[in-house]
């Protein structure tokens, strides 16, 4: 099974939601975010709005392929600026009933997945207002862009032993999709220049991406 993450323009949220309903996705969570494209990139592609809708769902491999095909067509994901969709493999699910619900009763997803990870999702959690700082150092290491989601921290008091500030503050969560070969350089750059003991006080981790559609990716998911 996969955790499927769609990042698209906020104006396309209803269109995307209709696709999820049509394919009877069992769970869809919608969050609001903003893009991090530079003014130069926006001018280059003739783009204006950076307000984003981030939609998360869980799907079997077969349903993931269907979602990607339909969202690609309905949202025109092959056109720069319209969004990106990625699939992150799920290692385990708690409880047979939950598994049956999320997989719509399918037995297919209980087989070990065979995947070659060409991309990874880098998640950086920084103090509020520091997303531009994080993206600046990430771009220096090869990142092409990202999406920022505002979040409220809720960590334990013990976190202050490891980080300069308490986890329980307003936070910016920055999502960056990168080629696996560039992931290490990007993460090291963030930690070195925006990590603990800096104003951003950033934590960063990555997850493998088993499939992706969007800017800079021309793989034919319909094969």
Protein backbone atom coordinates (compact mmCIF):
# COMPACT_ATOMS: atom_id res chain seq x y z
CA UNK A 1 0.00 0.00 0.00
CA UNK A 2 1.01 3.61 -0.50
CA UNK A 3 0.60 6.96 1.19
CA UNK A 4 -0.35 9.09 -1.81
CA UNK A 5 0.42 12.81 -1.58
CA UNK A 6 -0.94 15.33 -4.09
CA UNK A 7 0.26 18.94 -4.13
CA UNK A 8 -1.66 21.17 -6.53
CA UNK A 9 -3.00 24.69 -6.91
CA UNK A 10 -5.70 25.45 -4.39
CA UNK A 11 -8.12 26.33 -7.20
CA UNK A 12 -7.96 22.68 -8.37
CA UNK A 13 -8.93 21.20 -5.00
CA UNK A 14 -12.56 20.49 -5.96
CA UNK A 15 -11.54 18.83 -9.22
CA UNK A 16 -9.08 16.61 -7.36
CA UNK A 17 -11.66 15.79 -4.68
CA UNK A 18 -14.09 14.64 -7.39
CA UNK A 19 -11.46 12.18 -8.68
CA UNK A 20 -10.95 10.75 -5.18
CA UNK A 21 -14.72 10.34 -4.76
CA UNK A 22 -15.10 8.71 -8.19
CA UNK A 23 -12.40 6.16 -7.37
CA UNK A 24 -13.86 5.66 -3.87
CA UNK A 25 -10.65 6.46 -2.03
CA UNK A 26 -11.30 5.35 1.58
CA UNK A 27 -9.52 8.27 3.26
CA UNK A 28 -8.60 11.74 1.97
CA UNK A 29 -7.04 14.44 4.15
CA UNK A 30 -6.74 18.00 2.80
CA UNK A 31 -4.23 20.56 4.09
CA UNK A 32 -3.42 24.09 2.97
CA UNK A 33 0.07 25.11 1.95
CA UNK A 34 2.04 27.52 -0.20
CA UNK A 35 4.66 27.07 -2.89
CA UNK A 36 8.28 28.16 -2.60
CA UNK A 37 9.03 28.99 -6.24
CA UNK A 38 11.22 32.06 -6.67
CA UNK A 39 9.88 35.18 -8.36
CA UNK A 40 12.14 34.43 -11.32
CA UNK A 41 10.65 30.93 -11.76
CA UNK A 42 7.10 32.27 -11.49
CA UNK A 43 7.83 34.86 -14.16
CA UNK A 44 9.50 32.24 -16.38
CA UNK A 45 6.43 29.98 -16.36
CA UNK A 46 3.91 32.82 -16.28
CA UNK A 47 2.58 31.74 -12.89
CA UNK A 48 1.02 33.87 -10.18
CA UNK A 49 -0.69 31.97 -7.37
CA UNK A 50 1.43 30.01 -4.90
CA UNK A 51 -1.44 28.91 -2.66
CA UNK A 52 -1.47 25.10 -2.59
CA UNK A 53 -3.81 22.28 -1.60
CA UNK A 54 -2.03 19.24 -0.15
CA UNK A 55 -4.20 16.11 -0.32
CA UNK A 56 -3.16 12.86 1.34
CA UNK A 57 -4.72 9.43 0.95
CA UNK A 58 -3.92 5.74 1.31
CA UNK A 59 -4.30 3.36 -1.64
CA UNK A 60 -3.35 -0.07 -2.92
CA UNK A 61 -0.83 -0.29 -5.77
CA UNK A 62 -3.63 -0.73 -8.29
CA UNK A 63 -5.66 2.16 -6.87
CA UNK A 64 -2.50 4.31 -6.75
CA UNK A 65 -2.00 3.80 -10.47
CA UNK A 66 -5.64 4.72 -11.13
CA UNK A 67 -5.37 7.86 -9.00
CA UNK A 68 -2.21 8.95 -10.78
CA UNK A 69 -3.70 8.38 -14.22
CA UNK A 70 -6.92 10.25 -13.45
CA UNK A 71 -5.29 13.14 -11.56
CA UNK A 72 -2.70 13.49 -14.31
CA UNK A 73 -5.49 13.97 -16.86
CA UNK A 74 -7.88 16.09 -14.78
CA UNK A 75 -5.24 18.39 -13.29
CA UNK A 76 -2.93 18.49 -16.33
CA UNK A 77 0.04 17.51 -14.19
CA UNK A 78 2.33 17.35 -17.23
CA UNK A 79 2.11 21.15 -17.46
CA UNK A 80 4.62 22.97 -15.21
CA UNK A 81 3.01 24.66 -12.23
CA UNK A 82 -0.08 22.44 -12.01
CA UNK A 83 1.21 20.17 -9.28
CA UNK A 84 2.89 16.93 -8.35
CA UNK A 85 1.71 13.57 -7.02
CA UNK A 86 3.91 11.04 -5.24
CA UNK A 87 3.44 7.62 -3.68
CA UNK A 88 5.27 6.65 -0.49
CA UNK A 89 5.25 2.92 0.37
CA UNK A 90 3.63 1.94 3.67
CA UNK A 91 5.57 -0.69 5.60
CA UNK A 92 2.81 -1.82 7.94
CA UNK A 93 -0.80 -1.15 8.90
CA UNK A 94 -2.17 -1.55 12.42
CA UNK A 95 -4.97 -4.12 12.53
CA UNK A 96 -6.71 -6.38 10.00
CA UNK A 97 -9.87 -4.26 9.98
CA UNK A 98 -7.92 -1.09 9.14
CA UNK A 99 -6.01 -2.95 6.42
CA UNK A 100 -9.23 -4.27 4.89
CA UNK A 101 -10.76 -0.77 4.94
CA UNK A 102 -7.78 0.95 3.35
CA UNK A 103 -7.24 -1.80 0.76
CA UNK A 104 -10.96 -2.22 -0.02
CA UNK A 105 -10.66 -5.90 0.87
CA UNK A 106 -7.83 -6.57 -1.60
CA UNK A 107 -5.30 -9.30 -0.78
CA UNK A 108 -2.84 -8.07 -3.42
CA UNK A 109 -1.03 -5.61 -1.15
CA UNK A 110 0.06 -8.25 1.36
CA UNK A 111 2.84 -9.30 -1.02
CA UNK A 112 6.32 -7.78 -0.46
CA UNK A 113 6.70 -4.76 -2.79
CA UNK A 114 9.47 -4.68 -5.40
CA UNK A 115 10.44 -1.05 -5.92
CA UNK A 116 13.36 0.99 -7.22
CA UNK A 117 13.39 4.35 -5.45
CA UNK A 118 14.52 7.10 -7.85
CA UNK A 119 13.07 9.89 -5.74
CA UNK A 120 12.68 10.72 -2.05
CA UNK A 121 10.44 13.06 -0.11
CA UNK A 122 12.48 15.29 2.18
CA UNK A 123 10.51 16.70 5.12
CA UNK A 124 12.05 19.60 7.01
CA UNK A 125 10.41 20.97 10.18
CA UNK A 126 11.61 24.49 11.00
CA UNK A 127 10.59 27.37 13.23
CA UNK A 128 7.78 29.51 11.84
CA UNK A 129 8.96 32.09 9.31
CA UNK A 130 12.17 30.22 8.42
CA UNK A 131 10.94 28.32 5.36
CA UNK A 132 12.63 30.76 2.96
CA UNK A 133 15.91 30.24 4.79
CA UNK A 134 15.56 26.45 4.53
CA UNK A 135 14.66 26.57 0.83
CA UNK A 136 17.56 28.89 0.04
CA UNK A 137 20.14 26.46 1.40
CA UNK A 138 18.27 23.48 -0.11
CA UNK A 139 18.38 25.08 -3.57
CA UNK A 140 22.12 25.58 -3.26
CA UNK A 141 22.41 21.80 -2.90
CA UNK A 142 20.18 20.98 -5.87
CA UNK A 143 16.55 21.26 -4.72
CA UNK A 144 14.23 22.72 -7.35
CA UNK A 145 11.30 23.70 -5.15
CA UNK A 146 9.08 22.77 -2.24
CA UNK A 147 5.75 23.27 -0.48
CA UNK A 148 5.29 24.80 2.97
CA UNK A 149 2.58 23.70 5.42
CA UNK A 150 2.04 25.66 8.63
CA UNK A 151 1.89 23.42 11.69
CA UNK A 152 1.65 23.54 15.48
CA UNK A 153 4.35 21.69 17.38
CA UNK A 154 3.41 19.32 20.18
CA UNK A 155 6.58 17.52 21.26
CA UNK A 156 7.63 16.49 24.75
CA UNK A 157 9.54 18.77 27.10
CA UNK A 158 12.55 16.51 26.73
CA UNK A 159 13.00 17.74 23.17
CA UNK A 160 14.63 20.89 24.57
CA UNK A 161 17.65 18.77 25.49
CA UNK A 162 18.36 18.24 21.79
CA UNK A 163 17.11 21.45 20.15
CA UNK A 164 17.52 25.09 21.02
CA UNK A 165 13.77 25.76 21.23
CA UNK A 166 10.82 23.73 22.41
CA UNK A 167 9.08 21.56 19.82
CA UNK A 168 5.77 23.04 21.03
CA UNK A 169 6.00 26.19 18.89
CA UNK A 170 4.52 27.34 15.60
CA UNK A 171 6.31 25.44 12.83
CA UNK A 172 6.77 25.42 9.08
CA UNK A 173 6.85 21.96 7.48
CA UNK A 174 8.68 22.06 4.15
CA UNK A 175 8.12 19.21 1.66
CA UNK A 176 10.79 18.74 -1.02
CA UNK A 177 10.80 15.98 -3.64
CA UNK A 178 14.34 15.25 -4.87
CA UNK A 179 16.24 12.66 -6.85
CA UNK A 180 17.70 10.06 -4.51
CA UNK A 181 21.24 10.88 -5.64
CA UNK A 182 20.77 14.51 -4.57
CA UNK A 183 18.94 13.79 -1.32
CA UNK A 184 22.05 13.47 0.86
CA UNK A 185 23.55 16.78 -0.28
CA UNK A 186 20.25 18.60 0.28
CA UNK A 187 19.76 17.20 3.78
CA UNK A 188 23.35 17.90 4.79
CA UNK A 189 23.06 21.46 3.52
CA UNK A 190 19.87 22.05 5.53
CA UNK A 191 21.37 20.64 8.72
CA UNK A 192 24.64 22.54 8.29
CA UNK A 193 23.11 25.95 7.55
CA UNK A 194 19.58 25.78 9.00
CA UNK A 195 19.75 22.98 11.56
CA UNK A 196 19.94 22.94 15.37
CA UNK A 197 21.57 26.01 16.95
CA UNK A 198 20.43 28.21 14.04
CA UNK A 199 17.41 30.50 13.86
CA UNK A 200 15.50 27.87 11.86
CA UNK A 201 16.33 25.07 14.37
CA UNK A 202 15.40 22.64 11.60
CA UNK A 203 14.89 18.88 11.80
CA UNK A 204 14.93 16.92 8.55
CA UNK A 205 14.20 13.35 7.42
CA UNK A 206 13.38 11.58 4.16
CA UNK A 207 11.06 8.85 2.85
CA UNK A 208 11.36 6.79 -0.35
CA UNK A 209 9.01 7.62 -3.22
CA UNK A 210 7.86 4.62 -5.27
CA UNK A 211 6.10 6.63 -8.01
CA UNK A 212 5.86 10.28 -9.04
CA UNK A 213 4.16 12.51 -11.59
CA UNK A 214 4.69 16.24 -12.04
CA UNK A 215 7.26 18.79 -13.11
CA UNK A 216 10.40 17.27 -14.55
CA UNK A 217 9.01 13.72 -14.64
CA UNK A 218 7.88 12.18 -17.91
CA UNK A 219 7.42 8.56 -16.87
CA UNK A 220 4.36 6.99 -18.45
CA UNK A 221 2.32 5.66 -15.53
CA UNK A 222 -0.17 4.03 -17.90
CA UNK A 223 2.24 1.29 -19.02
